[in-house]
PDB file of N, CA and C in Angstrom:
ATOM      1  N   MET A   1      -0.532  38.600   0.010  1.00  0.00           N
ATOM      2  CA  MET A   1       0.032  37.701   1.002  1.00  0.00           C
ATOM      3  C   MET A   1       1.076  36.823   0.303  1.00  0.00           C
ATOM      4  N   PRO A   2       2.253  36.637   0.899  1.00  0.00           N
ATOM      5  CA  PRO A   2       3.278  35.805   0.271  1.00  0.00           C
ATOM      6  C   PRO A   2       2.859  34.337   0.238  1.00  0.00           C
ATOM      7  N   THR A   3       3.378  33.618  -0.754  1.00  0.00           N
ATOM      8  CA  THR A   3       3.092  32.193  -0.880  1.00  0.00           C
ATOM      9  C   THR A   3       3.723  31.447   0.282  1.00  0.00           C
ATOM     10  N   ARG A   4       2.974  30.540   0.840  1.00  0.00           N
ATOM     11  CA  ARG A   4       3.478  29.703   1.934  1.00  0.00           C
ATOM     12  C   ARG A   4       4.346  28.604   1.349  1.00  0.00           C
ATOM     13  N   ARG A   5       5.599  28.521   1.763  1.00  0.00           N
ATOM     14  CA  ARG A   5       6.526  27.509   1.267  1.00  0.00           C
ATOM     15  C   ARG A   5       6.799  26.500   2.377  1.00  0.00           C
ATOM     16  N   VAL A   6       6.617  25.204   2.054  1.00  0.00           N
ATOM     17  CA  VAL A   6       6.788  24.140   3.033  1.00  0.00           C
ATOM     18  C   VAL A   6       7.616  23.027   2.417  1.00  0.00           C
ATOM     19  N   ALA A   7       8.537  22.476   3.206  1.00  0.00           N
ATOM     20  CA  ALA A   7       9.317  21.312   2.780  1.00  0.00           C
ATOM     21  C   ALA A   7       8.938  20.133   3.651  1.00  0.00           C
ATOM     22  N   VAL A   8       8.666  19.000   3.019  1.00  0.00           N
ATOM     23  CA  VAL A   8       8.381  17.760   3.731  1.00  0.00           C
ATOM     24  C   VAL A   8       9.523  16.803   3.411  1.00  0.00           C
ATOM     25  N   ILE A   9      10.129  16.247   4.441  1.00  0.00           N
ATOM     26  CA  ILE A   9      11.261  15.351   4.267  1.00  0.00           C
ATOM     27  C   ILE A   9      10.786  13.908   4.411  1.00  0.00           C
ATOM     28  N   GLY A  10      10.947  13.134   3.346  1.00  0.00           N
ATOM     29  CA  GLY A  10      10.613  11.716   3.384  1.00  0.00           C
ATOM     30  C   GLY A  10       9.375  11.385   2.590  1.00  0.00           C
ATOM     31  N   GLY A  11       9.532  10.475   1.635  1.00  0.00           N
ATOM     32  CA  GLY A  11       8.439  10.087   0.755  1.00  0.00           C
ATOM     33  C   GLY A  11       7.815   8.755   1.119  1.00  0.00           C
ATOM     34  N   GLY A  12       7.762   8.454   2.420  1.00  0.00           N
ATOM     35  CA  GLY A  12       7.020   7.289   2.876  1.00  0.00           C
ATOM     36  C   GLY A  12       5.567   7.670   3.077  1.00  0.00           C
ATOM     37  N   ILE A  13       4.811   6.795   3.660  1.00  0.00           N
ATOM     38  CA  ILE A  13       3.381   7.055   3.808  1.00  0.00           C
ATOM     39  C   ILE A  13       3.108   8.303   4.650  1.00  0.00           C
ATOM     40  N   LEU A  14       3.900   8.530   5.683  1.00  0.00           N
ATOM     41  CA  LEU A  14       3.663   9.705   6.520  1.00  0.00           C
ATOM     42  C   LEU A  14       4.027  10.989   5.802  1.00  0.00           C
ATOM     43  N   GLY A  15       5.181  11.020   5.147  1.00  0.00           N
ATOM     44  CA  GLY A  15       5.585  12.221   4.429  1.00  0.00           C
ATOM     45  C   GLY A  15       4.605  12.600   3.341  1.00  0.00           C
ATOM     46  N   VAL A  16       4.167  11.615   2.566  1.00  0.00           N
ATOM     47  CA  VAL A  16       3.218  11.884   1.482  1.00  0.00           C
ATOM     48  C   VAL A  16       1.866  12.315   2.054  1.00  0.00           C
ATOM     49  N   ALA A  17       1.450  11.683   3.149  1.00  0.00           N
ATOM     50  CA  ALA A  17       0.177  12.057   3.767  1.00  0.00           C
ATOM     51  C   ALA A  17       0.230  13.486   4.313  1.00  0.00           C
ATOM     52  N   VAL A  18       1.356  13.857   4.905  1.00  0.00           N
ATOM     53  CA  VAL A  18       1.507  15.223   5.427  1.00  0.00           C
ATOM     54  C   VAL A  18       1.478  16.224   4.276  1.00  0.00           C
ATOM     55  N   ALA A  19       2.213  15.943   3.208  1.00  0.00           N
ATOM     56  CA  ALA A  19       2.229  16.842   2.052  1.00  0.00           C
ATOM     57  C   ALA A  19       0.826  16.995   1.467  1.00  0.00           C
ATOM     58  N   ARG A  20       0.112  15.901   1.355  1.00  0.00           N
ATOM     59  CA  ARG A  20      -1.261  15.936   0.820  1.00  0.00           C
ATOM     60  C   ARG A  20      -2.173  16.785   1.700  1.00  0.00           C
ATOM     61  N   GLU A  21      -2.079  16.582   3.005  1.00  0.00           N
ATOM     62  CA  GLU A  21      -2.925  17.328   3.930  1.00  0.00           C
ATOM     63  C   GLU A  21      -2.602  18.821   3.896  1.00  0.00           C
ATOM     64  N   LEU A  22      -1.318  19.149   3.785  1.00  0.00           N
ATOM     65  CA  LEU A  22      -0.934  20.557   3.669  1.00  0.00           C
ATOM     66  C   LEU A  22      -1.564  21.197   2.439  1.00  0.00           C
ATOM     67  N   LEU A  23      -1.540  20.486   1.324  1.00  0.00           N
ATOM     68  CA  LEU A  23      -2.129  21.016   0.093  1.00  0.00           C
ATOM     69  C   LEU A  23      -3.650  21.093   0.172  1.00  0.00           C
ATOM     70  N   LYS A  24      -4.268  20.138   0.876  1.00  0.00           N
ATOM     71  CA  LYS A  24      -5.721  20.207   1.055  1.00  0.00           C
ATOM     72  C   LYS A  24      -6.105  21.436   1.867  1.00  0.00           C
ATOM     73  N   ARG A  25      -5.313  21.722   2.902  1.00  0.00           N
ATOM     74  CA  ARG A  25      -5.622  22.853   3.777  1.00  0.00           C
ATOM     75  C   ARG A  25      -5.224  24.194   3.176  1.00  0.00           C
ATOM     76  N   SER A  26      -4.166  24.178   2.377  1.00  0.00           N
ATOM     77  CA  SER A  26      -3.670  25.413   1.755  1.00  0.00           C
ATOM     78  C   SER A  26      -3.331  25.134   0.295  1.00  0.00           C
ATOM     79  N   PRO A  27      -4.345  25.103  -0.582  1.00  0.00           N
ATOM     80  CA  PRO A  27      -4.113  24.749  -1.989  1.00  0.00           C
ATOM     81  C   PRO A  27      -3.116  25.643  -2.710  1.00  0.00           C
ATOM     82  N   ASP A  28      -2.934  26.859  -2.226  1.00  0.00           N
ATOM     83  CA  ASP A  28      -1.996  27.771  -2.870  1.00  0.00           C
ATOM     84  C   ASP A  28      -0.575  27.655  -2.314  1.00  0.00           C
ATOM     85  N   ALA A  29      -0.351  26.771  -1.376  1.00  0.00           N
ATOM     86  CA  ALA A  29       0.979  26.598  -0.783  1.00  0.00           C
ATOM     87  C   ALA A  29       1.941  25.971  -1.790  1.00  0.00           C
ATOM     88  N   ASP A  30       3.198  26.268  -1.621  1.00  0.00           N
ATOM     89  CA  ASP A  30       4.267  25.688  -2.429  1.00  0.00           C
ATOM     90  C   ASP A  30       4.894  24.580  -1.586  1.00  0.00           C
ATOM     91  N   VAL A  31       4.436  23.346  -1.779  1.00  0.00           N
ATOM     92  CA  VAL A  31       4.893  22.204  -0.983  1.00  0.00           C
ATOM     93  C   VAL A  31       5.890  21.392  -1.803  1.00  0.00           C
ATOM     94  N   THR A  32       7.066  21.169  -1.226  1.00  0.00           N
ATOM     95  CA  THR A  32       8.097  20.357  -1.865  1.00  0.00           C
ATOM     96  C   THR A  32       8.351  19.131  -1.002  1.00  0.00           C
ATOM     97  N   LEU A  33       8.286  17.964  -1.627  1.00  0.00           N
ATOM     98  CA  LEU A  33       8.542  16.706  -0.931  1.00  0.00           C
ATOM     99  C   LEU A  33       9.935  16.224  -1.322  1.00  0.00           C
ATOM    100  N   PHE A  34      10.781  16.026  -0.330  1.00  0.00           N
ATOM    101  CA  PHE A  34      12.146  15.546  -0.571  1.00  0.00           C
ATOM    102  C   PHE A  34      12.234  14.066  -0.212  1.00  0.00           C
ATOM    103  N   GLU A  35      12.744  13.270  -1.139  1.00  0.00           N
ATOM    104  CA  GLU A  35      12.936  11.830  -0.911  1.00  0.00           C
ATOM    105  C   GLU A  35      14.295  11.452  -1.475  1.00  0.00           C
ATOM    106  N   LYS A  36      15.097  10.766  -0.683  1.00  0.00           N
ATOM    107  CA  LYS A  36      16.454  10.414  -1.123  1.00  0.00           C
ATOM    108  C   LYS A  36      16.476   9.249  -2.112  1.00  0.00           C
ATOM    109  N   GLU A  37      15.451   8.426  -2.110  1.00  0.00           N
ATOM    110  CA  GLU A  37      15.418   7.271  -3.002  1.00  0.00           C
ATOM    111  C   GLU A  37      14.868   7.669  -4.373  1.00  0.00           C
ATOM    112  N   ASP A  38      14.888   6.739  -5.314  1.00  0.00           N
ATOM    113  CA  ASP A  38      14.425   7.034  -6.669  1.00  0.00           C
ATOM    114  C   ASP A  38      12.918   6.854  -6.840  1.00  0.00           C
ATOM    115  N   ARG A  39      12.227   6.517  -5.756  1.00  0.00           N
ATOM    116  CA  ARG A  39      10.783   6.335  -5.819  1.00  0.00           C
ATOM    117  C   ARG A  39      10.201   6.526  -4.415  1.00  0.00           C
ATOM    118  N   LEU A  40       8.906   6.728  -4.358  1.00  0.00           N
ATOM    119  CA  LEU A  40       8.234   6.851  -3.065  1.00  0.00           C
ATOM    120  C   LEU A  40       8.074   5.472  -2.441  1.00  0.00           C
ATOM    121  N   ALA A  41       7.946   5.443  -1.149  1.00  0.00           N
ATOM    122  CA  ALA A  41       7.678   4.206  -0.397  1.00  0.00           C
ATOM    123  C   ALA A  41       8.710   3.119  -0.670  1.00  0.00           C
ATOM    124  N   ALA A  42       9.974   3.509  -0.753  1.00  0.00           N
ATOM    125  CA  ALA A  42      11.030   2.554  -1.075  1.00  0.00           C
ATOM    126  C   ALA A  42      11.397   1.656   0.104  1.00  0.00           C
ATOM    127  N   HIS A  43      11.029   2.046   1.285  1.00  0.00           N
ATOM    128  CA  HIS A  43      11.430   1.278   2.461  1.00  0.00           C
ATOM    129  C   HIS A  43      10.227   0.585   3.088  1.00  0.00           C
ATOM    130  N   GLN A  44      10.022   0.724   4.361  1.00  0.00           N
ATOM    131  CA  GLN A  44       8.990  -0.050   5.061  1.00  0.00           C
ATOM    132  C   GLN A  44       7.604   0.135   4.472  1.00  0.00           C
ATOM    133  N   THR A  45       7.251   1.337   4.067  1.00  0.00           N
ATOM    134  CA  THR A  45       5.937   1.582   3.489  1.00  0.00           C
ATOM    135  C   THR A  45       5.697   0.666   2.300  1.00  0.00           C
ATOM    136  N   GLY A  46       6.711   0.482   1.483  1.00  0.00           N
ATOM    137  CA  GLY A  46       6.575  -0.339   0.279  1.00  0.00           C
ATOM    138  C   GLY A  46       6.599  -1.821   0.547  1.00  0.00           C
ATOM    139  N   ARG A  47       6.872  -2.200   1.775  1.00  0.00           N
ATOM    140  CA  ARG A  47       6.955  -3.627   2.113  1.00  0.00           C
ATOM    141  C   ARG A  47       5.714  -4.132   2.833  1.00  0.00           C
ATOM    142  N   ASN A  48       4.690  -3.315   2.873  1.00  0.00           N
ATOM    143  CA  ASN A  48       3.439  -3.729   3.492  1.00  0.00           C
ATOM    144  C   ASN A  48       2.915  -4.954   2.754  1.00  0.00           C
ATOM    145  N   SER A  49       2.286  -5.838   3.470  1.00  0.00           N
ATOM    146  CA  SER A  49       1.791  -7.073   2.869  1.00  0.00           C
ATOM    147  C   SER A  49       0.653  -6.835   1.888  1.00  0.00           C
ATOM    148  N   GLY A  50       0.039  -5.675   1.957  1.00  0.00           N
ATOM    149  CA  GLY A  50      -1.038  -5.366   1.036  1.00  0.00           C
ATOM    150  C   GLY A  50      -2.371  -5.987   1.414  1.00  0.00           C
ATOM    151  N   VAL A  51      -2.468  -6.522   2.614  1.00  0.00           N
ATOM    152  CA  VAL A  51      -3.725  -7.114   3.062  1.00  0.00           C
ATOM    153  C   VAL A  51      -4.298  -6.284   4.209  1.00  0.00           C
ATOM    154  N   VAL A  52      -5.590  -6.382   4.382  1.00  0.00           N
ATOM    155  CA  VAL A  52      -6.246  -5.741   5.506  1.00  0.00           C
ATOM    156  C   VAL A  52      -6.326  -6.787   6.612  1.00  0.00           C
ATOM    157  N   HIS A  53      -5.658  -6.520   7.708  1.00  0.00           N
ATOM    158  CA  HIS A  53      -5.632  -7.486   8.805  1.00  0.00           C
ATOM    159  C   HIS A  53      -6.922  -7.407   9.606  1.00  0.00           C
ATOM    160  N   ALA A  54      -7.535  -8.543   9.822  1.00  0.00           N
ATOM    161  CA  ALA A  54      -8.823  -8.599  10.511  1.00  0.00           C
ATOM    162  C   ALA A  54      -8.679  -8.601  12.027  1.00  0.00           C
ATOM    163  N   GLY A  55      -7.487  -8.829  12.543  1.00  0.00           N
ATOM    164  CA  GLY A  55      -7.283  -8.837  13.983  1.00  0.00           C
ATOM    165  C   GLY A  55      -7.558 -10.173  14.638  1.00  0.00           C
ATOM    166  N   LEU A  56      -7.783 -11.209  13.832  1.00  0.00           N
ATOM    167  CA  LEU A  56      -8.128 -12.528  14.372  1.00  0.00           C
ATOM    168  C   LEU A  56      -7.010 -13.172  15.172  1.00  0.00           C
ATOM    169  N   TYR A  57      -5.773 -12.804  14.875  1.00  0.00           N
ATOM    170  CA  TYR A  57      -4.633 -13.454  15.526  1.00  0.00           C
ATOM    171  C   TYR A  57      -4.252 -12.807  16.842  1.00  0.00           C
ATOM    172  N   TYR A  58      -4.901 -11.711  17.186  1.00  0.00           N
ATOM    173  CA  TYR A  58      -4.538 -10.975  18.384  1.00  0.00           C
ATOM    174  C   TYR A  58      -5.511 -11.273  19.519  1.00  0.00           C
ATOM    175  N   GLU A  59      -5.028 -11.095  20.734  1.00  0.00           N
ATOM    176  CA  GLU A  59      -5.865 -11.344  21.903  1.00  0.00           C
ATOM    177  C   GLU A  59      -7.091 -10.430  21.850  1.00  0.00           C
ATOM    178  N   PRO A  60      -8.284 -10.992  22.011  1.00  0.00           N
ATOM    179  CA  PRO A  60      -9.490 -10.173  21.974  1.00  0.00           C
ATOM    180  C   PRO A  60      -9.413  -9.008  22.962  1.00  0.00           C
ATOM    181  N   GLY A  61      -9.757  -7.834  22.480  1.00  0.00           N
ATOM    182  CA  GLY A  61      -9.725  -6.650  23.322  1.00  0.00           C
ATOM    183  C   GLY A  61      -8.374  -5.954  23.390  1.00  0.00           C
ATOM    184  N   SER A  62      -7.324  -6.587  22.844  1.00  0.00           N
ATOM    185  CA  SER A  62      -6.003  -5.951  22.872  1.00  0.00           C
ATOM    186  C   SER A  62      -5.990  -4.760  21.915  1.00  0.00           C
ATOM    187  N   ASN A  63      -5.012  -3.887  22.097  1.00  0.00           N
ATOM    188  CA  ASN A  63      -4.912  -2.717  21.213  1.00  0.00           C
ATOM    189  C   ASN A  63      -4.815  -3.134  19.755  1.00  0.00           C
ATOM    190  N   LYS A  64      -4.009  -4.146  19.472  1.00  0.00           N
ATOM    191  CA  LYS A  64      -3.856  -4.591  18.083  1.00  0.00           C
ATOM    192  C   LYS A  64      -5.177  -5.082  17.513  1.00  0.00           C
ATOM    193  N   ALA A  65      -5.906  -5.862  18.267  1.00  0.00           N
ATOM    194  CA  ALA A  65      -7.185  -6.381  17.789  1.00  0.00           C
ATOM    195  C   ALA A  65      -8.181  -5.243  17.566  1.00  0.00           C
ATOM    196  N   VAL A  66      -8.259  -4.333  18.510  1.00  0.00           N
ATOM    197  CA  VAL A  66      -9.202  -3.219  18.413  1.00  0.00           C
ATOM    198  C   VAL A  66      -8.856  -2.330  17.222  1.00  0.00           C
ATOM    199  N   LEU A  67      -7.561  -2.015  17.058  1.00  0.00           N
ATOM    200  CA  LEU A  67      -7.152  -1.150  15.952  1.00  0.00           C
ATOM    201  C   LEU A  67      -7.346  -1.833  14.598  1.00  0.00           C
ATOM    202  N   CYS A  68      -7.107  -3.126  14.521  1.00  0.00           N
ATOM    203  CA  CYS A  68      -7.349  -3.842  13.263  1.00  0.00           C
ATOM    204  C   CYS A  68      -8.823  -3.788  12.894  1.00  0.00           C
ATOM    205  N   ARG A  69      -9.684  -4.049  13.846  1.00  0.00           N
ATOM    206  CA  ARG A  69     -11.120  -4.026  13.573  1.00  0.00           C
ATOM    207  C   ARG A  69     -11.569  -2.622  13.175  1.00  0.00           C
ATOM    208  N   ARG A  70     -11.026  -1.610  13.833  1.00  0.00           N
ATOM    209  CA  ARG A  70     -11.382  -0.228  13.494  1.00  0.00           C
ATOM    210  C   ARG A  70     -10.908   0.097  12.078  1.00  0.00           C
ATOM    211  N   GLY A  71      -9.713  -0.342  11.725  1.00  0.00           N
ATOM    212  CA  GLY A  71      -9.184  -0.109  10.389  1.00  0.00           C
ATOM    213  C   GLY A  71     -10.034  -0.765   9.315  1.00  0.00           C
ATOM    214  N   VAL A  72     -10.480  -1.979   9.573  1.00  0.00           N
ATOM    215  CA  VAL A  72     -11.342  -2.682   8.618  1.00  0.00           C
ATOM    216  C   VAL A  72     -12.644  -1.900   8.432  1.00  0.00           C
ATOM    217  N   ALA A  73     -13.225  -1.453   9.529  1.00  0.00           N
ATOM    218  CA  ALA A  73     -14.487  -0.705   9.444  1.00  0.00           C
ATOM    219  C   ALA A  73     -14.301   0.598   8.674  1.00  0.00           C
ATOM    220  N   LEU A  74     -13.212   1.305   8.938  1.00  0.00           N
ATOM    221  CA  LEU A  74     -12.946   2.558   8.217  1.00  0.00           C
ATOM    222  C   LEU A  74     -12.744   2.303   6.726  1.00  0.00           C
ATOM    223  N   LEU A  75     -12.029   1.234   6.384  1.00  0.00           N
ATOM    224  CA  LEU A  75     -11.801   0.915   4.978  1.00  0.00           C
ATOM    225  C   LEU A  75     -13.109   0.527   4.289  1.00  0.00           C
ATOM    226  N   GLU A  76     -13.947  -0.231   4.977  1.00  0.00           N
ATOM    227  CA  GLU A  76     -15.243  -0.600   4.401  1.00  0.00           C
ATOM    228  C   GLU A  76     -16.092   0.640   4.141  1.00  0.00           C
ATOM    229  N   ASP A  77     -16.111   1.568   5.092  1.00  0.00           N
ATOM    230  CA  ASP A  77     -16.867   2.815   4.912  1.00  0.00           C
ATOM    231  C   ASP A  77     -16.314   3.613   3.734  1.00  0.00           C
ATOM    232  N   PHE A  78     -14.996   3.724   3.673  1.00  0.00           N
ATOM    233  CA  PHE A  78     -14.332   4.482   2.603  1.00  0.00           C
ATOM    234  C   PHE A  78     -14.690   3.926   1.236  1.00  0.00           C
ATOM    235  N   THR A  79     -14.594   2.607   1.081  1.00  0.00           N
ATOM    236  CA  THR A  79     -14.875   2.006  -0.219  1.00  0.00           C
ATOM    237  C   THR A  79     -16.361   2.086  -0.571  1.00  0.00           C
ATOM    238  N   ALA A  80     -17.228   1.936   0.431  1.00  0.00           N
ATOM    239  CA  ALA A  80     -18.667   2.027   0.162  1.00  0.00           C
ATOM    240  C   ALA A  80     -19.055   3.442  -0.273  1.00  0.00           C
ATOM    241  N   GLU A  81     -18.476   4.447   0.372  1.00  0.00           N
ATOM    242  CA  GLU A  81     -18.781   5.832   0.011  1.00  0.00           C
ATOM    243  C   GLU A  81     -18.363   6.161  -1.416  1.00  0.00           C
ATOM    244  N   ARG A  82     -17.332   5.489  -1.886  1.00  0.00           N
ATOM    245  CA  ARG A  82     -16.789   5.790  -3.207  1.00  0.00           C
ATOM    246  C   ARG A  82     -17.182   4.764  -4.264  1.00  0.00           C
ATOM    247  N   GLY A  83     -17.988   3.803  -3.882  1.00  0.00           N
ATOM    248  CA  GLY A  83     -18.449   2.782  -4.817  1.00  0.00           C
ATOM    249  C   GLY A  83     -17.325   1.902  -5.338  1.00  0.00           C
ATOM    250  N   ILE A  84     -16.364   1.649  -4.486  1.00  0.00           N
ATOM    251  CA  ILE A  84     -15.211   0.816  -4.880  1.00  0.00           C
ATOM    252  C   ILE A  84     -15.488  -0.629  -4.513  1.00  0.00           C
TER     253      ILE A  84
END
């Protein structure tokens, strides 16, 4: 079977996540990530505040509040599973 060749354009969080997932699903694939900058996450991805937002500032029950709380729970589970 020929090697699967895939190109991913953009080295932000989405591009890197897509490339990673492709390799997880097809470890023998030839995945190339193209990024125009000299480093990954040079734009908005790299400007994240680096904090986990608790959702306290958003209206209770709003999408932002619900998604923040879900994100916190997922991160807590992730770190607990890995002993971080």
